[in-house]
Amino acid sequence: MELVLIVWILCAMLCGMIASSKNRSVGGWAVAGLLLGILGVIIVALTPTLDPNRVNDPPPARAPSRDPFKR
C-alpha cells in the first residue's frame, strides 16, 4: 500500500516538472498527476510546449462577405 502511495506522489511531482518545462500550469498538472497517476504523466508528456508569446493573440480578422443575401 505504501508503494502505491509513493508512486502516485512521484507521478504528481513528475507531472509538475514536465509541465514546467513545457510552460504549462505546474499546480494543475501536479494535481492531474496525483489523480491520474502514470496516465497523467503520459498525457502531459504528449502535450505540446506552449509559446509564451502566442498565448493571448487575437483571432485573425475575417473579410466581409460580398453576398447580399448572406448575413
N, C-alpha and C. Protein backbone atom coordinates (compact mmCIF):
# COMPACT_ATOMS: atom_id res chain seq x y z
N MET A 1 0.83 -1.21 0.00
CA MET A 1 0.00 0.00 0.00
C MET A 1 0.87 1.26 0.00
N GLU A 2 1.96 1.21 0.75
CA GLU A 2 2.84 2.39 0.80
C GLU A 2 3.50 2.64 -0.55
N LEU A 3 3.80 1.55 -1.26
CA LEU A 3 4.44 1.68 -2.56
C LEU A 3 3.51 2.38 -3.55
N VAL A 4 2.24 2.06 -3.51
CA VAL A 4 1.26 2.70 -4.40
C VAL A 4 1.18 4.19 -4.12
N LEU A 5 1.16 4.56 -2.86
CA LEU A 5 1.11 5.97 -2.48
C LEU A 5 2.37 6.71 -2.95
N ILE A 6 3.51 6.09 -2.81
CA ILE A 6 4.77 6.71 -3.24
C ILE A 6 4.78 6.89 -4.75
N VAL A 7 4.30 5.91 -5.49
CA VAL A 7 4.26 6.01 -6.95
C VAL A 7 3.33 7.15 -7.38
N TRP A 8 2.18 7.30 -6.74
CA TRP A 8 1.24 8.37 -7.11
C TRP A 8 1.82 9.75 -6.80
N ILE A 9 2.52 9.87 -5.69
CA ILE A 9 3.15 11.15 -5.35
C ILE A 9 4.28 11.46 -6.32
N LEU A 10 5.06 10.44 -6.70
CA LEU A 10 6.12 10.64 -7.69
C LEU A 10 5.54 11.04 -9.05
N CYS A 11 4.40 10.47 -9.41
CA CYS A 11 3.74 10.85 -10.66
C CYS A 11 3.31 12.32 -10.62
N ALA A 12 2.81 12.76 -9.48
CA ALA A 12 2.41 14.16 -9.34
C ALA A 12 3.62 15.08 -9.49
N MET A 13 4.73 14.72 -8.87
CA MET A 13 5.94 15.55 -8.97
C MET A 13 6.48 15.54 -10.39
N LEU A 14 6.46 14.39 -11.04
CA LEU A 14 6.95 14.28 -12.41
C LEU A 14 6.08 15.09 -13.37
N CYS A 15 4.76 15.05 -13.17
CA CYS A 15 3.85 15.86 -14.00
C CYS A 15 4.16 17.34 -13.84
N GLY A 16 4.39 17.77 -12.61
CA GLY A 16 4.72 19.18 -12.38
C GLY A 16 6.01 19.59 -13.05
N MET A 17 7.01 18.73 -13.01
CA MET A 17 8.29 19.05 -13.65
C MET A 17 8.17 19.09 -15.16
N ILE A 18 7.44 18.15 -15.74
CA ILE A 18 7.25 18.15 -17.20
C ILE A 18 6.45 19.37 -17.62
N ALA A 19 5.40 19.70 -16.86
CA ALA A 19 4.57 20.86 -17.19
C ALA A 19 5.39 22.15 -17.11
N SER A 20 6.26 22.24 -16.13
CA SER A 20 7.11 23.43 -16.01
C SER A 20 8.02 23.59 -17.22
N SER A 21 8.55 22.49 -17.71
CA SER A 21 9.44 22.57 -18.87
C SER A 21 8.68 22.90 -20.15
N LYS A 22 7.36 22.72 -20.15
CA LYS A 22 6.54 23.00 -21.33
C LYS A 22 5.72 24.28 -21.18
N ASN A 23 6.05 25.12 -20.20
CA ASN A 23 5.36 26.39 -19.96
C ASN A 23 3.87 26.18 -19.69
N ARG A 24 3.54 25.15 -18.94
CA ARG A 24 2.15 24.86 -18.58
C ARG A 24 1.98 25.00 -17.07
N SER A 25 0.75 24.91 -16.59
CA SER A 25 0.44 25.08 -15.18
C SER A 25 1.04 23.95 -14.35
N VAL A 26 1.98 24.28 -13.48
CA VAL A 26 2.64 23.27 -12.66
C VAL A 26 1.67 22.68 -11.65
N GLY A 27 0.93 23.54 -10.96
CA GLY A 27 0.00 23.07 -9.94
C GLY A 27 -1.13 22.24 -10.52
N GLY A 28 -1.67 22.69 -11.62
CA GLY A 28 -2.76 21.95 -12.26
C GLY A 28 -2.33 20.57 -12.73
N TRP A 29 -1.16 20.50 -13.32
CA TRP A 29 -0.69 19.21 -13.79
C TRP A 29 -0.22 18.33 -12.65
N ALA A 30 0.26 18.92 -11.56
CA ALA A 30 0.62 18.11 -10.39
C ALA A 30 -0.62 17.45 -9.80
N VAL A 31 -1.71 18.19 -9.74
CA VAL A 31 -2.97 17.62 -9.26
C VAL A 31 -3.45 16.53 -10.22
N ALA A 32 -3.32 16.79 -11.52
CA ALA A 32 -3.71 15.78 -12.51
C ALA A 32 -2.86 14.52 -12.34
N GLY A 33 -1.58 14.69 -12.08
CA GLY A 33 -0.72 13.54 -11.86
C GLY A 33 -1.07 12.79 -10.59
N LEU A 34 -1.50 13.53 -9.58
CA LEU A 34 -1.91 12.89 -8.34
C LEU A 34 -3.19 12.09 -8.54
N LEU A 35 -4.10 12.61 -9.34
CA LEU A 35 -5.37 11.93 -9.57
C LEU A 35 -5.28 10.81 -10.61
N LEU A 36 -4.47 11.03 -11.65
CA LEU A 36 -4.43 10.09 -12.76
C LEU A 36 -3.24 9.14 -12.72
N GLY A 37 -2.25 9.45 -11.93
CA GLY A 37 -1.07 8.59 -11.84
C GLY A 37 -0.26 8.61 -13.12
N ILE A 38 0.17 7.44 -13.56
CA ILE A 38 1.03 7.34 -14.74
C ILE A 38 0.33 7.83 -15.99
N LEU A 39 -1.00 7.74 -16.04
CA LEU A 39 -1.74 8.26 -17.19
C LEU A 39 -1.57 9.78 -17.30
N GLY A 40 -1.54 10.48 -16.17
CA GLY A 40 -1.30 11.92 -16.19
C GLY A 40 0.08 12.26 -16.71
N VAL A 41 1.07 11.46 -16.35
CA VAL A 41 2.44 11.68 -16.85
C VAL A 41 2.47 11.50 -18.36
N ILE A 42 1.80 10.48 -18.86
CA ILE A 42 1.78 10.23 -20.30
C ILE A 42 1.09 11.38 -21.03
N ILE A 43 -0.03 11.86 -20.48
CA ILE A 43 -0.77 12.94 -21.13
C ILE A 43 0.04 14.22 -21.19
N VAL A 44 0.65 14.61 -20.06
CA VAL A 44 1.42 15.86 -20.06
C VAL A 44 2.68 15.72 -20.91
N ALA A 45 3.22 14.54 -21.02
CA ALA A 45 4.39 14.34 -21.87
C ALA A 45 4.04 14.48 -23.35
N LEU A 46 2.80 14.15 -23.72
CA LEU A 46 2.39 14.23 -25.11
C LEU A 46 1.85 15.61 -25.52
N THR A 47 1.58 16.49 -24.55
CA THR A 47 1.08 17.82 -24.89
C THR A 47 2.20 18.68 -25.46
N PRO A 48 1.88 19.54 -26.40
CA PRO A 48 2.92 20.40 -26.98
C PRO A 48 3.33 21.52 -26.02
N THR A 49 4.51 22.05 -26.24
CA THR A 49 5.02 23.16 -25.44
C THR A 49 4.28 24.43 -25.84
N LEU A 50 3.89 25.22 -24.84
CA LEU A 50 3.22 26.49 -25.10
C LEU A 50 4.26 27.57 -25.37
N ASP A 51 4.00 28.38 -26.39
CA ASP A 51 4.84 29.53 -26.68
C ASP A 51 4.30 30.71 -25.88
N PRO A 52 5.06 31.26 -24.94
CA PRO A 52 4.53 32.34 -24.09
C PRO A 52 4.17 33.60 -24.86
N ASN A 53 4.69 33.78 -26.07
CA ASN A 53 4.38 34.98 -26.86
C ASN A 53 3.06 34.86 -27.60
N ARG A 54 2.51 33.65 -27.74
CA ARG A 54 1.30 33.46 -28.53
C ARG A 54 0.09 33.13 -27.68
N VAL A 55 0.16 33.26 -26.38
CA VAL A 55 -0.93 32.85 -25.51
C VAL A 55 -2.17 33.72 -25.71
N ASN A 56 -2.01 35.02 -25.83
CA ASN A 56 -3.16 35.94 -25.89
C ASN A 56 -3.30 36.63 -27.24
N ASP A 57 -2.89 35.97 -28.31
CA ASP A 57 -3.05 36.57 -29.63
C ASP A 57 -4.53 36.63 -30.00
N PRO A 58 -4.99 37.75 -30.57
CA PRO A 58 -6.39 37.81 -31.01
C PRO A 58 -6.58 36.95 -32.25
N PRO A 59 -7.81 36.48 -32.48
CA PRO A 59 -8.05 35.69 -33.69
C PRO A 59 -7.92 36.56 -34.93
N PRO A 60 -7.60 35.99 -36.07
CA PRO A 60 -7.45 36.80 -37.28
C PRO A 60 -8.79 37.40 -37.71
N ALA A 61 -8.74 38.60 -38.29
CA ALA A 61 -9.95 39.29 -38.74
C ALA A 61 -10.50 38.59 -39.97
N ARG A 62 -11.83 38.56 -40.08
CA ARG A 62 -12.49 37.95 -41.23
C ARG A 62 -12.89 39.04 -42.21
N ALA A 63 -12.73 38.75 -43.49
CA ALA A 63 -13.14 39.69 -44.53
C ALA A 63 -14.66 39.70 -44.64
N PRO A 64 -15.26 40.87 -44.91
CA PRO A 64 -16.73 40.92 -45.05
C PRO A 64 -17.18 40.14 -46.28
N SER A 65 -18.36 39.56 -46.17
CA SER A 65 -18.92 38.78 -47.27
C SER A 65 -19.51 39.70 -48.32
N ARG A 66 -19.36 39.34 -49.59
CA ARG A 66 -19.92 40.15 -50.67
C ARG A 66 -21.28 39.64 -51.12
N ASP A 67 -21.76 38.57 -50.52
CA ASP A 67 -23.05 38.01 -50.87
C ASP A 67 -24.14 38.86 -50.21
N PRO A 68 -25.05 39.51 -50.98
CA PRO A 68 -26.05 40.40 -50.38
C PRO A 68 -27.13 39.63 -49.60
N PHE A 69 -27.29 38.33 -49.85
CA PHE A 69 -28.31 37.56 -49.16
C PHE A 69 -27.79 36.85 -47.92
N LYS A 70 -26.51 36.87 -47.74
CA LYS A 70 -25.90 36.21 -46.60
C LYS A 70 -25.72 37.21 -45.47
N ARG A 71 -26.09 36.82 -44.28
CA ARG A 71 -25.97 37.73 -43.14
C ARG A 71 -24.70 37.54 -42.41
